[in-house]
N, C-alpha and C. Protein backbone atom coordinates (compact mmCIF):
# COMPACT_ATOMS: atom_id res chain seq x y z
N UNK A 1 -25.70 -43.23 6.44
CA UNK A 1 -25.55 -41.92 7.44
C UNK A 1 -24.79 -41.57 6.67
N UNK A 2 -24.86 -40.31 6.84
CA UNK A 2 -23.62 -39.33 5.95
C UNK A 2 -22.34 -39.13 6.52
N UNK A 3 -21.32 -39.71 5.93
CA UNK A 3 -19.89 -39.23 6.31
C UNK A 3 -19.85 -37.71 6.64
N UNK A 4 -19.00 -37.43 7.79
CA UNK A 4 -19.19 -35.87 7.49
C UNK A 4 -17.83 -34.99 6.56
N UNK A 5 -17.70 -34.13 6.13
CA UNK A 5 -16.54 -34.10 4.71
C UNK A 5 -15.98 -33.33 5.74
N UNK A 6 -14.42 -33.52 5.59
CA UNK A 6 -13.20 -32.59 6.65
C UNK A 6 -12.85 -31.85 5.20
N UNK A 7 -12.48 -30.98 5.80
CA UNK A 7 -12.12 -29.82 4.89
C UNK A 7 -11.16 -28.58 5.93
N UNK A 8 -9.90 -29.42 4.20
CA UNK A 8 -8.30 -28.50 4.99
C UNK A 8 -8.68 -27.07 5.07
N UNK A 9 -7.48 -26.56 6.29
CA UNK A 9 -7.03 -25.09 5.42
C UNK A 9 -6.18 -25.04 4.35
N UNK A 10 -5.85 -26.03 3.55
CA UNK A 10 -5.32 -25.60 2.54
C UNK A 10 -6.60 -24.96 1.10
N UNK A 11 -7.71 -25.57 1.64
CA UNK A 11 -8.86 -26.12 0.43
C UNK A 11 -9.55 -24.81 0.70
N UNK A 12 -9.83 -24.22 2.35
CA UNK A 12 -10.09 -22.94 2.20
C UNK A 12 -9.72 -21.83 1.63
N UNK A 13 -8.16 -22.09 1.96
CA UNK A 13 -7.31 -21.41 1.31
C UNK A 13 -7.69 -21.27 -0.25
N UNK A 14 -7.20 -22.14 -1.00
CA UNK A 14 -7.75 -22.31 -2.16
C UNK A 14 -9.00 -21.93 -2.46
N UNK A 15 -9.97 -22.06 -2.01
CA UNK A 15 -11.56 -21.95 -2.47
C UNK A 15 -11.59 -20.31 -2.41
N UNK A 16 -10.75 -19.72 -1.35
CA UNK A 16 -10.83 -18.00 -1.01
C UNK A 16 -9.99 -17.35 -2.24
N UNK A 17 -9.11 -18.24 -2.20
CA UNK A 17 -8.17 -17.24 -3.55
C UNK A 17 -9.02 -17.92 -4.29
N UNK A 18 -9.81 -19.03 -5.33
CA UNK A 18 -10.06 -19.12 -6.47
C UNK A 18 -11.35 -18.38 -6.84
N UNK A 19 -11.81 -17.64 -5.71
CA UNK A 19 -13.35 -16.73 -5.68
C UNK A 19 -12.76 -15.38 -6.11
N UNK A 20 -11.33 -14.54 -5.32
CA UNK A 20 -10.68 -13.75 -5.33
C UNK A 20 -10.13 -13.34 -6.91
N UNK A 21 -9.89 -14.62 -7.44
CA UNK A 21 -9.79 -14.85 -8.79
C UNK A 21 -10.41 -14.30 -9.69
N UNK A 22 -11.91 -14.71 -9.47
CA UNK A 22 -12.97 -14.60 -10.41
C UNK A 22 -13.58 -13.21 -9.81
N UNK A 23 -13.23 -12.41 -8.71
CA UNK A 23 -13.34 -10.86 -8.18
C UNK A 23 -14.86 -11.02 -7.47
N UNK A 24 -14.99 -12.39 -6.82
CA UNK A 24 -15.65 -12.62 -5.82
C UNK A 24 -15.43 -12.33 -4.38
N UNK A 25 -14.89 -11.24 -3.80
CA UNK A 25 -14.24 -10.67 -2.79
C UNK A 25 -15.06 -11.23 -1.71
N UNK A 26 -16.55 -10.52 -1.62
CA UNK A 26 -17.54 -10.87 -0.59
C UNK A 26 -17.46 -11.83 -0.28
N UNK A 27 -17.67 -13.47 -0.99
CA UNK A 27 -17.91 -14.65 -1.21
C UNK A 27 -16.42 -15.35 -0.72
N UNK A 28 -15.35 -14.67 -1.28
CA UNK A 28 -14.34 -15.23 -0.03
C UNK A 28 -13.89 -15.15 0.64
N UNK A 29 -14.63 -14.12 1.29
CA UNK A 29 -14.56 -13.78 2.42
C UNK A 29 -15.26 -14.95 3.82
N UNK A 30 -16.22 -15.84 3.66
CA UNK A 30 -17.07 -17.00 4.27
C UNK A 30 -15.04 -18.28 4.17
N UNK A 31 -15.11 -18.66 2.63
CA UNK A 31 -13.94 -19.32 3.25
C UNK A 31 -12.22 -18.49 3.79
N UNK A 32 -12.22 -17.65 3.82
CA UNK A 32 -10.84 -17.11 5.00
C UNK A 32 -11.49 -17.39 5.68
N UNK A 33 -12.91 -16.54 6.41
CA UNK A 33 -12.84 -17.29 8.55
C UNK A 33 -12.82 -18.04 8.82
N UNK A 34 -13.36 -19.45 7.84
CA UNK A 34 -13.24 -20.56 7.90
C UNK A 34 -12.29 -21.18 8.21
N UNK A 35 -11.17 -20.39 7.25
CA UNK A 35 -8.86 -20.82 7.48
C UNK A 35 -8.93 -20.48 8.72
N UNK A 36 -9.34 -19.27 9.07
CA UNK A 36 -8.91 -18.70 10.04
C UNK A 36 -9.09 -19.62 11.81
N UNK A 37 -10.61 -19.99 11.66
CA UNK A 37 -11.06 -20.75 12.05
C UNK A 37 -10.10 -21.65 12.88
N UNK A 38 -10.32 -22.47 11.54
CA UNK A 38 -9.36 -24.03 11.51
C UNK A 38 -7.88 -23.37 12.44
N UNK A 39 -6.90 -22.86 11.04
CA UNK A 39 -6.04 -22.32 12.19
C UNK A 39 -5.52 -22.21 13.29
N UNK A 40 -6.49 -22.02 13.83
CA UNK A 40 -6.59 -21.11 15.64
C UNK A 40 -6.59 -22.39 16.12
N UNK A 41 -8.10 -23.77 15.76
CA UNK A 41 -8.22 -24.35 16.01
C UNK A 41 -7.11 -25.76 16.33
N UNK A 42 -6.33 -25.29 15.30
CA UNK A 42 -4.80 -26.47 15.04
C UNK A 42 -4.09 -26.07 15.88
N UNK A 43 -3.79 -24.77 16.18
CA UNK A 43 -2.91 -24.31 17.03
C UNK A 43 -3.16 -24.56 18.76
N UNK A 44 -4.44 -23.88 18.98
CA UNK A 44 -5.07 -23.92 19.73
C UNK A 44 -5.37 -25.94 20.57
N UNK A 45 -5.72 -26.91 19.74
CA UNK A 45 -6.33 -27.58 20.39
C UNK A 45 -7.52 -27.90 19.90
N UNK A 46 -8.12 -26.82 20.67
CA UNK A 46 -10.18 -26.46 20.67
C UNK A 46 -10.77 -26.64 18.91
N UNK A 47 -11.51 -28.06 19.01
CA UNK A 47 -11.48 -28.17 17.96
C UNK A 47 -13.06 -26.81 17.31
N UNK A 48 -13.34 -26.22 18.37
CA UNK A 48 -14.82 -24.50 18.04
C UNK A 48 -13.26 -23.88 19.08
N UNK A 49 -13.03 -23.03 18.46
CA UNK A 49 -12.51 -21.90 18.66
C UNK A 49 -13.45 -20.85 19.51
N UNK A 50 -13.96 -20.61 20.72
CA UNK A 50 -13.96 -19.45 20.76
C UNK A 50 -14.12 -18.17 20.17
N UNK A 51 -14.32 -16.69 19.99
CA UNK A 51 -14.43 -15.50 18.94
C UNK A 51 -13.00 -14.63 20.14
N UNK A 52 -12.92 -15.00 21.65
CA UNK A 52 -11.97 -14.63 22.02
C UNK A 52 -10.44 -15.41 21.02
N UNK A 53 -10.43 -16.32 21.25
CA UNK A 53 -9.23 -17.04 20.92
C UNK A 53 -8.77 -16.48 19.07
N UNK A 54 -9.93 -16.25 18.43
CA UNK A 54 -9.92 -15.79 17.15
C UNK A 54 -9.92 -14.68 16.91
N UNK A 55 -10.04 -13.56 17.68
CA UNK A 55 -9.92 -12.14 18.42
C UNK A 55 -8.18 -11.90 18.22
N UNK A 56 -7.72 -12.86 19.23
CA UNK A 56 -5.91 -12.92 19.45
C UNK A 56 -5.32 -12.87 18.48
N UNK A 57 -5.93 -14.38 18.03
CA UNK A 57 -4.99 -14.20 16.82
C UNK A 57 -4.36 -13.06 15.96
N UNK A 58 -5.69 -12.70 15.36
CA UNK A 58 -5.97 -11.51 14.13
C UNK A 58 -5.44 -10.06 14.89
N UNK A 59 -4.98 -10.14 16.45
CA UNK A 59 -3.99 -9.07 16.78
C UNK A 59 -2.84 -9.61 16.69
N UNK A 60 -2.28 -10.65 17.48
CA UNK A 60 -1.24 -10.95 17.03
C UNK A 60 -0.24 -11.34 15.50
N UNK A 61 -1.62 -11.35 14.89
CA UNK A 61 -0.89 -10.72 13.02
C UNK A 61 -1.60 -9.68 12.39
N UNK A 62 -1.89 -8.63 13.36
CA UNK A 62 -2.39 -7.29 12.38
C UNK A 62 -1.27 -6.87 11.57
N UNK A 63 -0.39 -6.85 11.73
CA UNK A 63 0.90 -6.04 11.66
C UNK A 63 0.73 -6.40 9.75
N UNK A 64 0.90 -8.02 9.75
CA UNK A 64 0.41 -8.88 8.60
C UNK A 64 -0.18 -8.54 7.81
N UNK A 65 -1.50 -8.87 8.24
CA UNK A 65 -2.92 -8.05 7.94
C UNK A 65 -2.58 -7.16 7.10
N UNK A 66 -2.50 -6.21 8.01
CA UNK A 66 -2.78 -4.69 6.88
C UNK A 66 -1.50 -4.29 6.20
N UNK A 67 -0.24 -5.05 6.38
CA UNK A 67 1.40 -4.87 5.62
C UNK A 67 0.44 -5.88 3.94
N UNK A 68 -0.19 -7.19 4.29
CA UNK A 68 -0.23 -7.45 3.05
C UNK A 68 -2.00 -7.26 1.91
N UNK A 69 -2.47 -6.33 3.30
CA UNK A 69 -4.33 -6.57 2.73
C UNK A 69 -4.91 -4.88 3.11
N UNK A 70 -4.05 -4.19 3.54
CA UNK A 70 -4.28 -2.93 3.63
C UNK A 70 -3.40 -1.70 3.97
N UNK A 71 -2.81 -1.67 3.52
CA UNK A 71 -1.52 -0.92 3.43
C UNK A 71 -1.78 0.56 3.92
N UNK A 72 -2.95 1.56 3.44
CA UNK A 72 -2.84 2.58 3.45
C UNK A 72 -4.51 2.62 3.99
N UNK A 73 -5.34 1.46 4.00
CA UNK A 73 -6.59 1.52 4.49
C UNK A 73 -7.03 1.50 6.24
N UNK A 74 -6.06 2.22 6.98
CA UNK A 74 -6.68 2.85 8.54
C UNK A 74 -6.74 3.62 8.89
N UNK A 75 -8.35 3.74 9.08
CA UNK A 75 -9.04 4.66 9.94
C UNK A 75 -8.62 4.44 11.18
N UNK A 76 -7.93 5.76 11.81
CA UNK A 76 -7.91 4.93 13.37
C UNK A 76 -9.49 4.87 13.67
N UNK A 77 -10.38 5.62 13.50
CA UNK A 77 -11.79 5.41 14.22
C UNK A 77 -12.83 5.16 13.64
N UNK A 78 -14.16 4.90 13.07
CA UNK A 78 -14.99 5.15 12.13
C UNK A 78 -16.37 5.35 12.65
N UNK A 79 -17.37 6.29 12.34
CA UNK A 79 -18.99 6.59 12.59
C UNK A 79 -19.61 5.17 11.93
N UNK A 80 -19.23 3.95 12.98
CA UNK A 80 -20.65 3.20 13.22
C UNK A 80 -21.36 3.08 12.02
N UNK A 81 -22.55 2.17 11.43
CA UNK A 81 -23.50 2.73 10.78
C UNK A 81 -24.30 1.82 11.74
N UNK A 82 -25.51 2.46 11.40
CA UNK A 82 -26.80 2.07 13.06
C UNK A 82 -26.83 1.06 12.68
N UNK A 83 -26.97 -0.23 11.31
CA UNK A 83 -27.29 -1.33 11.66
C UNK A 83 -26.44 -2.62 12.03
N UNK A 84 -24.74 -1.63 11.80
CA UNK A 84 -24.48 -2.50 12.28
C UNK A 84 -23.77 -2.56 14.36
N UNK A 85 -24.40 -1.69 14.52
CA UNK A 85 -24.93 -1.43 16.00
C UNK A 85 -26.08 -2.00 16.45
N UNK A 86 -27.19 -1.82 15.50
CA UNK A 86 -28.37 -2.78 16.08
C UNK A 86 -27.59 -4.84 16.30
N UNK A 87 -26.64 -4.84 15.13
CA UNK A 87 -25.66 -5.89 14.89
C UNK A 87 -25.16 -6.48 16.17
N UNK A 88 -24.16 -5.75 16.86
CA UNK A 88 -23.76 -5.48 17.91
C UNK A 88 -23.69 -4.33 18.76
N UNK A 89 -24.41 -4.42 19.70
CA UNK A 89 -24.97 -3.42 20.67
C UNK A 89 -23.57 -2.75 21.26
N UNK A 90 -23.05 -3.03 21.61
CA UNK A 90 -21.91 -2.61 22.12
C UNK A 90 -20.89 -1.46 21.27
N UNK A 91 -20.98 -1.95 19.30
CA UNK A 91 -20.58 -1.64 18.84
C UNK A 91 -21.15 -0.08 18.81
N UNK A 92 -21.05 0.72 19.77
CA UNK A 92 -21.97 1.73 19.67
C UNK A 92 -20.78 2.66 19.45
N UNK A 93 -19.74 2.64 20.42
CA UNK A 93 -19.03 4.30 19.87
C UNK A 93 -17.73 3.88 19.13
N UNK A 94 -16.98 4.88 18.41
CA UNK A 94 -15.45 4.69 17.33
C UNK A 94 -14.91 3.81 17.57
N UNK A 95 -14.65 3.01 16.47
CA UNK A 95 -13.90 1.24 16.52
C UNK A 95 -13.45 2.00 16.03
N UNK A 96 -11.72 0.78 15.96
CA UNK A 96 -10.57 0.81 14.93
C UNK A 96 -10.84 -0.06 14.46
N UNK A 97 -9.93 -0.31 13.44
CA UNK A 97 -10.36 -0.92 12.27
C UNK A 97 -9.39 -2.57 12.69
N UNK A 98 -8.67 -2.51 13.71
CA UNK A 98 -8.43 -4.31 14.56
C UNK A 98 -10.00 -4.72 15.00
N UNK A 99 -10.53 -3.65 15.04
CA UNK A 99 -11.33 -4.52 16.48
C UNK A 99 -12.87 -4.78 15.07
N UNK A 100 -13.30 -4.05 14.10
CA UNK A 100 -13.41 -4.08 13.03
C UNK A 100 -13.99 -5.52 12.33
N UNK A 101 -12.22 -5.65 12.16
CA UNK A 101 -11.82 -7.04 11.37
C UNK A 101 -12.67 -7.85 12.19
N UNK A 102 -11.33 -7.72 13.32
CA UNK A 102 -12.17 -9.54 14.18
C UNK A 102 -14.09 -9.62 14.24
N UNK A 103 -14.71 -8.58 14.70
CA UNK A 103 -15.76 -8.21 14.49
C UNK A 103 -16.39 -8.99 13.75
N UNK A 104 -15.43 -8.71 12.24
CA UNK A 104 -16.69 -8.97 10.51
C UNK A 104 -15.76 -10.12 10.63
N UNK A 105 -14.62 -10.94 11.04
CA UNK A 105 -14.51 -11.79 11.39
C UNK A 105 -15.79 -13.33 11.59
N UNK A 106 -15.62 -12.81 13.09
CA UNK A 106 -16.52 -13.37 14.20
C UNK A 106 -17.84 -13.66 13.75
N UNK A 107 -18.59 -12.33 13.47
CA UNK A 107 -19.86 -12.48 12.71
C UNK A 107 -19.85 -13.70 11.47
N UNK A 108 -19.34 -13.32 10.58
CA UNK A 108 -19.10 -14.43 9.31
C UNK A 108 -19.17 -15.80 9.65
N UNK A 109 -18.04 -15.76 11.03
CA UNK A 109 -18.30 -17.00 11.37
C UNK A 109 -20.14 -17.92 11.86
N UNK A 110 -20.41 -16.58 12.22
CA UNK A 110 -21.52 -17.35 13.25
C UNK A 110 -22.68 -17.11 11.96
N UNK A 111 -22.55 -16.60 11.36
CA UNK A 111 -23.42 -16.26 10.02
C UNK A 111 -23.69 -17.48 9.18
N UNK A 112 -21.87 -17.46 8.93
CA UNK A 112 -21.49 -19.20 7.33
C UNK A 112 -22.07 -17.97 6.74
N UNK A 113 -21.79 -16.03 6.66
CA UNK A 113 -21.96 -15.50 5.49
C UNK A 113 -21.38 -14.18 5.29
N UNK A 114 -20.75 -13.53 4.84
CA UNK A 114 -20.35 -11.59 5.22
C UNK A 114 -22.57 -11.14 5.21
N UNK A 115 -22.10 -10.94 7.51
CA UNK A 115 -23.50 -10.05 7.06
C UNK A 115 -23.55 -8.86 6.25
N UNK A 116 -25.58 -8.12 6.36
CA UNK A 116 -25.50 -7.41 5.34
C UNK A 116 -25.11 -6.67 5.47
N UNK A 117 -24.31 -6.16 6.65
CA UNK A 117 -24.17 -4.09 6.78
C UNK A 117 -22.64 -4.38 6.09
N UNK A 118 -21.69 -5.14 6.05
CA UNK A 118 -20.52 -5.50 5.19
C UNK A 118 -21.04 -5.05 4.10
N UNK A 119 -19.51 -5.09 3.59
CA UNK A 119 -19.59 -4.99 1.74
C UNK A 119 -17.93 -4.83 1.83
N UNK A 120 -17.71 -5.28 0.63
CA UNK A 120 -15.82 -5.11 -0.08
C UNK A 120 -16.43 -4.68 -0.78
N UNK A 121 -15.80 -2.82 -0.53
CA UNK A 121 -15.32 -1.65 -1.48
C UNK A 121 -14.24 -2.26 -2.31
N UNK A 122 -14.10 -1.29 -3.54
CA UNK A 122 -13.40 -1.20 -4.63
C UNK A 122 -12.24 -0.09 -3.87
N UNK A 123 -12.45 0.89 -2.87
CA UNK A 123 -11.29 1.26 -2.58
C UNK A 123 -10.28 0.46 -1.13
N UNK A 124 -9.25 1.48 -0.77
CA UNK A 124 -8.66 1.04 -0.57
C UNK A 124 -8.35 1.20 0.82
N UNK A 125 -9.54 1.54 1.32
CA UNK A 125 -10.47 2.19 2.63
C UNK A 125 -11.13 1.56 2.90
N UNK A 126 -11.18 1.57 4.48
CA UNK A 126 -12.55 1.50 5.46
C UNK A 126 -13.40 2.72 4.56
N UNK A 127 -15.12 2.62 3.94
CA UNK A 127 -15.89 3.28 3.64
C UNK A 127 -16.73 3.36 4.78
N UNK A 128 -18.10 4.81 4.54
CA UNK A 128 -19.29 4.60 5.11
C UNK A 128 -20.37 5.01 3.78
N UNK A 129 -21.20 4.17 3.66
CA UNK A 129 -22.02 4.34 2.57
C UNK A 129 -23.19 3.59 2.70
N UNK A 130 -24.38 4.22 2.46
CA UNK A 130 -25.43 3.29 2.36
C UNK A 130 -25.44 2.79 3.43
N UNK A 131 -25.47 2.91 4.65
CA UNK A 131 -25.70 2.41 5.74
C UNK A 131 -24.87 1.37 5.76
N UNK A 132 -23.82 0.86 4.99
CA UNK A 132 -22.88 -0.18 5.11
C UNK A 132 -21.66 0.35 5.38
N UNK A 133 -20.85 -0.45 6.14
CA UNK A 133 -19.41 -0.39 6.17
C UNK A 133 -18.69 -1.01 5.04
N UNK A 134 -18.05 -0.41 3.81
CA UNK A 134 -16.82 -1.09 3.31
C UNK A 134 -16.16 -1.19 3.51
N UNK A 135 -15.33 -2.58 3.72
CA UNK A 135 -13.77 -2.77 3.86
C UNK A 135 -13.23 -2.42 2.99
N UNK A 136 -11.83 -2.30 2.64
CA UNK A 136 -10.94 -2.64 1.38
C UNK A 136 -10.84 -4.01 1.49
N UNK A 137 -11.25 -3.99 0.09
CA UNK A 137 -10.83 -5.58 -1.03
C UNK A 137 -9.56 -6.22 -0.31
N UNK A 138 -9.09 -5.44 -0.37
CA UNK A 138 -7.32 -6.38 -0.43
C UNK A 138 -7.26 -6.73 1.07
N UNK A 139 -8.23 -6.78 2.57
CA UNK A 139 -8.74 -7.06 3.21
C UNK A 139 -8.35 -8.75 3.25
N UNK A 140 -9.45 -9.40 2.43
CA UNK A 140 -8.99 -10.74 2.26
C UNK A 140 -7.85 -11.24 2.04
N UNK A 141 -7.20 -10.82 1.08
CA UNK A 141 -5.37 -11.27 1.21
C UNK A 141 -4.74 -11.12 2.09
N UNK A 142 -4.99 -10.33 3.05
CA UNK A 142 -4.59 -9.65 4.55
C UNK A 142 -5.09 -10.88 5.02
N UNK A 143 -5.52 -10.92 5.07
CA UNK A 143 -5.90 -12.08 6.29
C UNK A 143 -5.81 -14.28 5.84
N UNK A 144 -6.10 -14.05 4.53
CA UNK A 144 -5.15 -15.23 3.86
C UNK A 144 -3.90 -15.18 4.28
N UNK A 145 -3.41 -14.36 4.00
CA UNK A 145 -1.51 -14.17 4.70
C UNK A 145 -1.81 -14.71 6.08
N UNK A 146 -2.43 -14.22 7.02
CA UNK A 146 -2.12 -14.61 8.06
C UNK A 146 -2.22 -16.04 8.57
N UNK A 147 -2.87 -16.87 7.97
CA UNK A 147 -3.61 -18.56 7.98
C UNK A 147 -2.55 -18.98 7.06
N UNK A 148 -2.02 -18.29 5.58
CA UNK A 148 -1.24 -19.30 4.68
C UNK A 148 0.52 -19.14 5.69
N UNK A 149 0.76 -18.37 6.42
CA UNK A 149 2.63 -17.89 6.50
C UNK A 149 2.57 -18.67 7.79
N UNK A 150 1.62 -18.74 8.77
CA UNK A 150 1.35 -19.32 10.68
C UNK A 150 2.17 -21.02 10.15
N UNK A 151 3.15 -20.86 11.28
CA UNK A 151 3.30 -22.14 11.06
C UNK A 151 2.97 -23.80 11.50
N UNK A 152 1.80 -22.82 12.29
CA UNK A 152 1.07 -24.32 12.39
C UNK A 152 0.12 -25.51 10.63
N UNK A 153 0.22 -24.15 9.90
CA UNK A 153 -0.16 -24.62 8.86
C UNK A 153 1.31 -25.24 7.44
N UNK A 154 2.39 -25.39 8.35
CA UNK A 154 3.63 -25.89 7.44
C UNK A 154 3.47 -27.11 6.53
N UNK A 155 2.14 -28.25 6.73
CA UNK A 155 1.99 -29.19 6.17
C UNK A 155 1.00 -28.90 4.96
N UNK A 156 -0.03 -27.69 4.76
CA UNK A 156 -1.14 -27.45 4.08
C UNK A 156 -0.30 -27.44 3.08
N UNK A 157 -0.65 -27.75 1.88
CA UNK A 157 -1.08 -27.35 -0.24
C UNK A 157 -2.27 -27.03 -0.83
N UNK A 158 -2.31 -26.28 -1.82
CA UNK A 158 -3.21 -25.92 -2.69
C UNK A 158 -2.98 -26.59 -4.30
N UNK A 159 -3.34 -26.31 -4.88
CA UNK A 159 -2.59 -26.55 -6.47
C UNK A 159 -1.73 -25.75 -6.85
N UNK A 160 -0.56 -25.71 -7.28
CA UNK A 160 0.41 -25.50 -7.44
C UNK A 160 0.54 -23.86 -8.36
N UNK A 161 -0.17 -23.74 -8.64
CA UNK A 161 -0.56 -21.82 -9.61
C UNK A 161 -0.80 -21.13 -8.99
N UNK A 162 -1.36 -21.47 -8.12
CA UNK A 162 -2.30 -20.56 -7.59
C UNK A 162 -1.27 -19.68 -6.57
N UNK A 163 -1.31 -18.52 -6.47
CA UNK A 163 0.11 -17.13 -6.09
C UNK A 163 -0.78 -16.19 -5.07
N UNK A 164 0.14 -15.35 -5.02
CA UNK A 164 -0.59 -14.65 -3.73
C UNK A 164 0.53 -13.61 -3.70
N UNK A 165 0.19 -12.18 -3.85
CA UNK A 165 1.25 -11.46 -3.66
C UNK A 165 1.64 -10.84 -2.80
N UNK A 166 2.39 -10.34 -1.91
CA UNK A 166 3.24 -9.70 -0.48
C UNK A 166 3.89 -8.53 -1.16
N UNK A 167 3.44 -7.72 -1.13
CA UNK A 167 3.69 -6.24 -1.66
C UNK A 167 3.82 -6.11 -2.93
N UNK A 168 5.47 -6.23 -3.27
CA UNK A 168 5.34 -6.14 -4.83
C UNK A 168 5.97 -7.98 -5.14
N UNK A 169 5.94 -8.15 -3.93
CA UNK A 169 5.98 -9.82 -4.37
C UNK A 169 5.24 -11.17 -4.58
N UNK A 170 5.11 -11.60 -5.99
CA UNK A 170 4.31 -13.16 -6.69
C UNK A 170 4.16 -13.77 -6.59
N UNK A 171 3.67 -14.55 -5.45
CA UNK A 171 4.80 -15.83 -4.84
C UNK A 171 3.14 -17.16 -5.04
N UNK A 172 4.13 -18.24 -5.22
CA UNK A 172 2.83 -19.69 -5.76
C UNK A 172 2.82 -19.68 -4.19
N UNK A 173 1.69 -19.89 -3.46
CA UNK A 173 1.11 -20.41 -2.34
C UNK A 173 1.58 -21.79 -1.30
N UNK A 174 2.00 -22.53 -2.68
CA UNK A 174 2.11 -23.83 -2.50
C UNK A 174 3.62 -23.67 -1.34
N UNK A 175 4.51 -22.87 -1.82
CA UNK A 175 6.10 -22.80 -1.20
C UNK A 175 5.40 -22.08 -0.24
N UNK A 176 4.68 -21.29 0.39
CA UNK A 176 4.27 -20.83 1.47
C UNK A 176 3.65 -20.39 3.05
N UNK A 177 3.07 -22.26 2.76
CA UNK A 177 2.48 -22.74 3.98
C UNK A 177 3.57 -23.05 5.10
N UNK A 178 2.86 -22.17 5.91
CA UNK A 178 4.00 -22.47 7.71
C UNK A 178 5.49 -20.92 7.81
N UNK A 179 5.54 -20.56 6.19
CA UNK A 179 6.87 -19.83 5.92
C UNK A 179 6.83 -18.56 6.79
N UNK A 180 6.18 -18.21 7.71
CA UNK A 180 6.63 -16.62 8.48
C UNK A 180 8.16 -15.89 7.62
N UNK A 181 8.44 -16.83 8.09
CA UNK A 181 10.13 -16.13 8.27
C UNK A 181 10.18 -15.51 7.31
N UNK A 182 9.39 -16.15 6.26
CA UNK A 182 9.64 -15.33 4.22
C UNK A 182 8.58 -13.79 4.40
N UNK A 183 7.07 -13.72 5.11
CA UNK A 183 6.67 -12.64 5.43
C UNK A 183 7.36 -11.62 6.05
N UNK A 184 8.15 -12.42 7.51
CA UNK A 184 8.71 -11.27 8.28
C UNK A 184 9.98 -10.55 7.32
N UNK A 185 10.92 -11.49 6.51
CA UNK A 185 11.81 -10.57 5.32
C UNK A 185 11.43 -9.80 4.72
N UNK A 186 9.93 -10.40 3.87
CA UNK A 186 9.13 -9.33 2.98
C UNK A 186 8.77 -7.68 3.54
N UNK A 187 8.34 -7.97 4.36
CA UNK A 187 8.37 -6.73 5.51
C UNK A 187 8.77 -6.34 5.95
N UNK A 188 10.31 -6.92 6.67
CA UNK A 188 11.32 -6.57 7.11
C UNK A 188 11.97 -5.58 5.79
N UNK A 189 12.45 -5.77 4.47
CA UNK A 189 12.52 -5.33 3.40
C UNK A 189 11.92 -3.86 3.03
N UNK A 190 10.82 -4.14 3.12
CA UNK A 190 10.09 -2.78 2.89
C UNK A 190 9.78 -1.38 3.42
N UNK A 191 9.35 -2.14 5.26
CA UNK A 191 9.79 -1.54 6.03
C UNK A 191 10.83 -0.93 6.75
N UNK A 192 11.90 -1.78 6.69
CA UNK A 192 13.45 -0.67 7.08
C UNK A 192 13.67 -1.64 8.38
């Protein structure tokens, strides 16, 4: 009988950062989505949190996600590509960044990969090209921030040399787990 390998939030964060450091943002999205799901599970006590709980987590952390991951990327509405409408039929009207991000995370968790209608772009904005919705590559960093700084992850750890940027601050991740107070101080410094 095979023993089930338990992967911690810290291990998922480390995997995502290592993939980002290699420029593999599309691949980094999967462990990032899993880290969000595990964070929600730890916070709620539900080992398999429903999509609604994940969406609520993303809404409550949206300010940090956008600050860290896409400060210039907020289109308040996009005409969603047909492929995405086929994937999720109720997505047939204009939607804002918050709804799009929630959909991308929940669909990535469902499929175990970033769905083909999404791709990480090189600009700092959402774009539609070739029937795909291109996401700002910084979105991965913003989503990781929502996990790293969440108080429920205070006991997590990763290799000491891995860092993440929050605005102009480049910080070692191992010192940031559960430190939402630091993220709030940095945002307050920049946003007034």
